[in-house]
Amino acid sequence: MTNVTSPTPNQPPLPADLPDRLCTWCRLPMKKRLVGGKQFVHYTCPKCVFQHTTRLGPKPPSPAH
């Protein structure tokens, strides 16, 4: 029997697997990096330094009041 390891579902995506984004103003490809415990992708434009952040995966449920 061979031991084959499969990627875990909670494994964060590699930077190459993260969605690309063009700068809203310059239309250049933005640099990307994982932030916030690898829950968010932070994009930065190399030309005008415009920034954008987007969540990876579903939004967690809001707490009941």
PDB file of N, CA and C in Angstrom:
ATOM      1  N   MET A   1       0.852  -1.179   0.000  1.00  0.00           N
ATOM      2  CA  MET A   1       0.000   0.000   0.000  1.00  0.00           C
ATOM      3  C   MET A   1       0.895   1.239   0.000  1.00  0.00           C
ATOM      4  N   THR A   2       0.614   2.179  -0.853  1.00  0.00           N
ATOM      5  CA  THR A   2       1.408   3.403  -0.907  1.00  0.00           C
ATOM      6  C   THR A   2       0.708   4.507  -0.142  1.00  0.00           C
ATOM      7  N   ASN A   3       1.496   5.359   0.446  1.00  0.00           N
ATOM      8  CA  ASN A   3       0.959   6.488   1.198  1.00  0.00           C
ATOM      9  C   ASN A   3       0.968   7.717   0.290  1.00  0.00           C
ATOM     10  N   VAL A   4      -0.196   8.136  -0.134  1.00  0.00           N
ATOM     11  CA  VAL A   4      -0.320   9.303  -1.003  1.00  0.00           C
ATOM     12  C   VAL A   4      -0.928  10.428  -0.189  1.00  0.00           C
ATOM     13  N   THR A   5      -0.226  11.531  -0.112  1.00  0.00           N
ATOM     14  CA  THR A   5      -0.750  12.670   0.638  1.00  0.00           C
ATOM     15  C   THR A   5      -1.520  13.568  -0.308  1.00  0.00           C
ATOM     16  N   SER A   6      -2.687  13.952   0.128  1.00  0.00           N
ATOM     17  CA  SER A   6      -3.493  14.876  -0.671  1.00  0.00           C
ATOM     18  C   SER A   6      -3.500  16.225   0.029  1.00  0.00           C
ATOM     19  N   PRO A   7      -3.645  17.296  -0.719  1.00  0.00           N
ATOM     20  CA  PRO A   7      -3.664  18.610  -0.082  1.00  0.00           C
ATOM     21  C   PRO A   7      -4.872  18.743   0.838  1.00  0.00           C
ATOM     22  N   THR A   8      -4.654  19.333   1.984  1.00  0.00           N
ATOM     23  CA  THR A   8      -5.746  19.524   2.929  1.00  0.00           C
ATOM     24  C   THR A   8      -6.636  20.664   2.461  1.00  0.00           C
ATOM     25  N   PRO A   9      -7.940  20.606   2.766  1.00  0.00           N
ATOM     26  CA  PRO A   9      -8.830  21.671   2.307  1.00  0.00           C
ATOM     27  C   PRO A   9      -8.523  23.027   2.945  1.00  0.00           C
ATOM     28  N   ASN A  10      -7.876  23.036   4.102  1.00  0.00           N
ATOM     29  CA  ASN A  10      -7.562  24.296   4.774  1.00  0.00           C
ATOM     30  C   ASN A  10      -6.209  24.854   4.368  1.00  0.00           C
ATOM     31  N   GLN A  11      -5.529  24.186   3.445  1.00  0.00           N
ATOM     32  CA  GLN A  11      -4.221  24.648   2.996  1.00  0.00           C
ATOM     33  C   GLN A  11      -4.390  25.939   2.203  1.00  0.00           C
ATOM     34  N   PRO A  12      -3.650  27.006   2.563  1.00  0.00           N
ATOM     35  CA  PRO A  12      -3.798  28.274   1.843  1.00  0.00           C
ATOM     36  C   PRO A  12      -3.314  28.154   0.407  1.00  0.00           C
ATOM     37  N   PRO A  13      -3.918  28.906  -0.499  1.00  0.00           N
ATOM     38  CA  PRO A  13      -3.476  28.853  -1.891  1.00  0.00           C
ATOM     39  C   PRO A  13      -2.092  29.457  -2.052  1.00  0.00           C
ATOM     40  N   LEU A  14      -1.367  28.974  -3.041  1.00  0.00           N
ATOM     41  CA  LEU A  14      -0.063  29.547  -3.357  1.00  0.00           C
ATOM     42  C   LEU A  14      -0.273  30.891  -4.044  1.00  0.00           C
ATOM     43  N   PRO A  15       0.699  31.810  -3.945  1.00  0.00           N
ATOM     44  CA  PRO A  15       0.535  33.117  -4.602  1.00  0.00           C
ATOM     45  C   PRO A  15       0.199  33.007  -6.084  1.00  0.00           C
ATOM     46  N   ALA A  16       0.719  31.986  -6.761  1.00  0.00           N
ATOM     47  CA  ALA A  16       0.407  31.821  -8.185  1.00  0.00           C
ATOM     48  C   ALA A  16      -1.055  31.433  -8.386  1.00  0.00           C
ATOM     49  N   ASP A  17      -1.684  30.833  -7.359  1.00  0.00           N
ATOM     50  CA  ASP A  17      -3.079  30.415  -7.454  1.00  0.00           C
ATOM     51  C   ASP A  17      -4.052  31.529  -7.081  1.00  0.00           C
ATOM     52  N   LEU A  18      -3.550  32.619  -6.514  1.00  0.00           N
ATOM     53  CA  LEU A  18      -4.422  33.721  -6.117  1.00  0.00           C
ATOM     54  C   LEU A  18      -4.932  34.452  -7.353  1.00  0.00           C
ATOM     55  N   PRO A  19      -6.159  34.958  -7.305  1.00  0.00           N
ATOM     56  CA  PRO A  19      -6.698  35.655  -8.480  1.00  0.00           C
ATOM     57  C   PRO A  19      -5.917  36.926  -8.797  1.00  0.00           C
ATOM     58  N   ASP A  20      -5.689  37.159 -10.080  1.00  0.00           N
ATOM     59  CA  ASP A  20      -5.002  38.374 -10.515  1.00  0.00           C
ATOM     60  C   ASP A  20      -5.987  39.533 -10.517  1.00  0.00           C
ATOM     61  N   ARG A  21      -5.452  40.735 -10.428  1.00  0.00           N
ATOM     62  CA  ARG A  21      -6.286  41.934 -10.437  1.00  0.00           C
ATOM     63  C   ARG A  21      -5.523  43.048 -11.132  1.00  0.00           C
ATOM     64  N   LEU A  22      -6.225  43.806 -11.965  1.00  0.00           N
ATOM     65  CA  LEU A  22      -5.633  44.978 -12.599  1.00  0.00           C
ATOM     66  C   LEU A  22      -5.951  46.202 -11.762  1.00  0.00           C
ATOM     67  N   CYS A  23      -5.024  47.149 -11.727  1.00  0.00           N
ATOM     68  CA  CYS A  23      -5.231  48.392 -11.004  1.00  0.00           C
ATOM     69  C   CYS A  23      -6.421  49.133 -11.614  1.00  0.00           C
ATOM     70  N   THR A  24      -7.266  49.672 -10.760  1.00  0.00           N
ATOM     71  CA  THR A  24      -8.436  50.424 -11.209  1.00  0.00           C
ATOM     72  C   THR A  24      -8.035  51.630 -12.035  1.00  0.00           C
ATOM     73  N   TRP A  25      -6.914  52.254 -11.690  1.00  0.00           N
ATOM     74  CA  TRP A  25      -6.514  53.509 -12.333  1.00  0.00           C
ATOM     75  C   TRP A  25      -5.513  53.296 -13.465  1.00  0.00           C
ATOM     76  N   CYS A  26      -4.492  52.488 -13.239  1.00  0.00           N
ATOM     77  CA  CYS A  26      -3.400  52.321 -14.218  1.00  0.00           C
ATOM     78  C   CYS A  26      -3.610  51.150 -15.171  1.00  0.00           C
ATOM     79  N   ARG A  27      -4.462  50.214 -14.796  1.00  0.00           N
ATOM     80  CA  ARG A  27      -4.678  48.990 -15.569  1.00  0.00           C
ATOM     81  C   ARG A  27      -3.429  48.119 -15.661  1.00  0.00           C
ATOM     82  N   LEU A  28      -2.541  48.225 -14.672  1.00  0.00           N
ATOM     83  CA  LEU A  28      -1.361  47.362 -14.585  1.00  0.00           C
ATOM     84  C   LEU A  28      -1.673  46.193 -13.655  1.00  0.00           C
ATOM     85  N   PRO A  29      -1.031  45.034 -13.847  1.00  0.00           N
ATOM     86  CA  PRO A  29      -1.211  43.927 -12.902  1.00  0.00           C
ATOM     87  C   PRO A  29      -0.710  44.333 -11.515  1.00  0.00           C
ATOM     88  N   MET A  30      -1.512  44.054 -10.502  1.00  0.00           N
ATOM     89  CA  MET A  30      -1.158  44.436  -9.139  1.00  0.00           C
ATOM     90  C   MET A  30      -0.366  43.321  -8.467  1.00  0.00           C
ATOM     91  N   LYS A  31       0.516  43.710  -7.525  1.00  0.00           N
ATOM     92  CA  LYS A  31       1.235  42.740  -6.705  1.00  0.00           C
ATOM     93  C   LYS A  31       0.251  42.212  -5.672  1.00  0.00           C
ATOM     94  N   LYS A  32       0.409  40.953  -5.262  1.00  0.00           N
ATOM     95  CA  LYS A  32      -0.528  40.358  -4.323  1.00  0.00           C
ATOM     96  C   LYS A  32       0.206  39.604  -3.228  1.00  0.00           C
ATOM     97  N   ARG A  33      -0.408  39.599  -2.029  1.00  0.00           N
ATOM     98  CA  ARG A  33       0.157  38.852  -0.909  1.00  0.00           C
ATOM     99  C   ARG A  33      -0.966  38.496   0.057  1.00  0.00           C
ATOM    100  N   LEU A  34      -0.772  37.420   0.798  1.00  0.00           N
ATOM    101  CA  LEU A  34      -1.754  36.992   1.786  1.00  0.00           C
ATOM    102  C   LEU A  34      -1.547  37.754   3.084  1.00  0.00           C
ATOM    103  N   VAL A  35      -2.631  38.195   3.706  1.00  0.00           N
ATOM    104  CA  VAL A  35      -2.570  38.913   4.978  1.00  0.00           C
ATOM    105  C   VAL A  35      -3.710  38.419   5.875  1.00  0.00           C
ATOM    106  N   GLY A  36      -3.715  38.869   7.118  1.00  0.00           N
ATOM    107  CA  GLY A  36      -4.806  38.554   8.041  1.00  0.00           C
ATOM    108  C   GLY A  36      -4.961  37.072   8.308  1.00  0.00           C
ATOM    109  N   GLY A  37      -3.862  36.419   8.653  1.00  0.00           N
ATOM    110  CA  GLY A  37      -3.930  34.983   8.909  1.00  0.00           C
ATOM    111  C   GLY A  37      -4.257  34.190   7.659  1.00  0.00           C
ATOM    112  N   LYS A  38      -3.819  34.694   6.520  1.00  0.00           N
ATOM    113  CA  LYS A  38      -4.025  34.067   5.209  1.00  0.00           C
ATOM    114  C   LYS A  38      -5.505  33.976   4.839  1.00  0.00           C
ATOM    115  N   GLN A  39      -6.321  34.917   5.356  1.00  0.00           N
ATOM    116  CA  GLN A  39      -7.741  34.965   5.028  1.00  0.00           C
ATOM    117  C   GLN A  39      -8.046  35.997   3.950  1.00  0.00           C
ATOM    118  N   PHE A  40      -7.111  36.913   3.691  1.00  0.00           N
ATOM    119  CA  PHE A  40      -7.343  37.996   2.745  1.00  0.00           C
ATOM    120  C   PHE A  40      -6.189  38.093   1.751  1.00  0.00           C
ATOM    121  N   VAL A  41      -6.492  38.596   0.551  1.00  0.00           N
ATOM    122  CA  VAL A  41      -5.466  38.896  -0.444  1.00  0.00           C
ATOM    123  C   VAL A  41      -5.351  40.409  -0.507  1.00  0.00           C
ATOM    124  N   HIS A  42      -4.143  40.924  -0.304  1.00  0.00           N
ATOM    125  CA  HIS A  42      -3.891  42.364  -0.364  1.00  0.00           C
ATOM    126  C   HIS A  42      -3.175  42.659  -1.674  1.00  0.00           C
ATOM    127  N   TYR A  43      -3.771  43.538  -2.473  1.00  0.00           N
ATOM    128  CA  TYR A  43      -3.212  43.919  -3.770  1.00  0.00           C
ATOM    129  C   TYR A  43      -2.643  45.327  -3.679  1.00  0.00           C
ATOM    130  N   THR A  44      -1.503  45.560  -4.325  1.00  0.00           N
ATOM    131  CA  THR A  44      -0.886  46.885  -4.382  1.00  0.00           C
ATOM    132  C   THR A  44      -0.408  47.142  -5.799  1.00  0.00           C
ATOM    133  N   CYS A  45      -0.740  48.324  -6.340  1.00  0.00           N
ATOM    134  CA  CYS A  45      -0.277  48.704  -7.670  1.00  0.00           C
ATOM    135  C   CYS A  45       1.175  49.156  -7.577  1.00  0.00           C
ATOM    136  N   PRO A  46       2.062  48.625  -8.431  1.00  0.00           N
ATOM    137  CA  PRO A  46       3.470  49.024  -8.377  1.00  0.00           C
ATOM    138  C   PRO A  46       3.713  50.442  -8.891  1.00  0.00           C
ATOM    139  N   LYS A  47       2.740  51.007  -9.626  1.00  0.00           N
ATOM    140  CA  LYS A  47       2.934  52.335 -10.197  1.00  0.00           C
ATOM    141  C   LYS A  47       2.334  53.433  -9.313  1.00  0.00           C
ATOM    142  N   CYS A  48       1.040  53.339  -9.010  1.00  0.00           N
ATOM    143  CA  CYS A  48       0.379  54.434  -8.282  1.00  0.00           C
ATOM    144  C   CYS A  48       0.117  54.103  -6.817  1.00  0.00           C
ATOM    145  N   VAL A  49       0.458  52.898  -6.373  1.00  0.00           N
ATOM    146  CA  VAL A  49       0.329  52.432  -4.996  1.00  0.00           C
ATOM    147  C   VAL A  49      -1.141  52.352  -4.553  1.00  0.00           C
ATOM    148  N   PHE A  50      -2.076  52.219  -5.518  1.00  0.00           N
ATOM    149  CA  PHE A  50      -3.476  51.952  -5.190  1.00  0.00           C
ATOM    150  C   PHE A  50      -3.539  50.600  -4.486  1.00  0.00           C
ATOM    151  N   GLN A  51      -4.385  50.480  -3.447  1.00  0.00           N
ATOM    152  CA  GLN A  51      -4.472  49.245  -2.676  1.00  0.00           C
ATOM    153  C   GLN A  51      -5.899  48.714  -2.671  1.00  0.00           C
ATOM    154  N   HIS A  52      -6.015  47.395  -2.623  1.00  0.00           N
ATOM    155  CA  HIS A  52      -7.316  46.739  -2.537  1.00  0.00           C
ATOM    156  C   HIS A  52      -7.134  45.442  -1.761  1.00  0.00           C
ATOM    157  N   THR A  53      -8.111  45.089  -0.939  1.00  0.00           N
ATOM    158  CA  THR A  53      -8.073  43.841  -0.188  1.00  0.00           C
ATOM    159  C   THR A  53      -9.364  43.080  -0.432  1.00  0.00           C
ATOM    160  N   THR A  54      -9.257  41.776  -0.615  1.00  0.00           N
ATOM    161  CA  THR A  54     -10.436  40.932  -0.813  1.00  0.00           C
ATOM    162  C   THR A  54     -10.315  39.682   0.044  1.00  0.00           C
ATOM    163  N   ARG A  55     -11.454  39.160   0.492  1.00  0.00           N
ATOM    164  CA  ARG A  55     -11.482  37.978   1.358  1.00  0.00           C
ATOM    165  C   ARG A  55     -11.406  36.710   0.518  1.00  0.00           C
ATOM    166  N   LEU A  56     -10.651  35.733   1.013  1.00  0.00           N
ATOM    167  CA  LEU A  56     -10.623  34.407   0.399  1.00  0.00           C
ATOM    168  C   LEU A  56     -11.693  33.561   1.081  1.00  0.00           C
ATOM    169  N   GLY A  57     -12.509  32.896   0.331  1.00  0.00           N
ATOM    170  CA  GLY A  57     -13.522  32.020   0.906  1.00  0.00           C
ATOM    171  C   GLY A  57     -14.728  32.785   1.401  1.00  0.00           C
ATOM    172  N   PRO A  58     -15.649  32.077   2.040  1.00  0.00           N
ATOM    173  CA  PRO A  58     -16.900  32.702   2.485  1.00  0.00           C
ATOM    174  C   PRO A  58     -16.704  33.590   3.703  1.00  0.00           C
ATOM    175  N   LYS A  59     -17.595  34.561   3.835  1.00  0.00           N
ATOM    176  CA  LYS A  59     -17.572  35.454   4.990  1.00  0.00           C
ATOM    177  C   LYS A  59     -18.097  34.681   6.203  1.00  0.00           C
ATOM    178  N   PRO A  60     -17.427  34.793   7.355  1.00  0.00           N
ATOM    179  CA  PRO A  60     -17.902  34.069   8.538  1.00  0.00           C
ATOM    180  C   PRO A  60     -19.247  34.629   9.000  1.00  0.00           C
ATOM    181  N   PRO A  61     -20.069  33.812   9.652  1.00  0.00           N
ATOM    182  CA  PRO A  61     -21.375  34.301  10.112  1.00  0.00           C
ATOM    183  C   PRO A  61     -21.208  35.379  11.171  1.00  0.00           C
ATOM    184  N   SER A  62     -22.114  36.341  11.144  1.00  0.00           N
ATOM    185  CA  SER A  62     -22.056  37.411  12.141  1.00  0.00           C
ATOM    186  C   SER A  62     -22.596  36.876  13.464  1.00  0.00           C
ATOM    187  N   PRO A  63     -22.071  37.364  14.582  1.00  0.00           N
ATOM    188  CA  PRO A  63     -22.525  36.869  15.887  1.00  0.00           C
ATOM    189  C   PRO A  63     -23.966  37.297  16.165  1.00  0.00           C
ATOM    190  N   ALA A  64     -24.713  36.430  16.832  1.00  0.00           N
ATOM    191  CA  ALA A  64     -26.096  36.754  17.197  1.00  0.00           C
ATOM    192  C   ALA A  64     -26.087  37.745  18.352  1.00  0.00           C
ATOM    193  N   HIS A  65     -27.002  38.686  18.304  1.00  0.00           N
ATOM    194  CA  HIS A  65     -27.075  39.694  19.376  1.00  0.00           C
ATOM    195  C   HIS A  65     -28.053  39.296  20.428  1.00  0.00           C
TER     196      HIS A  65
END
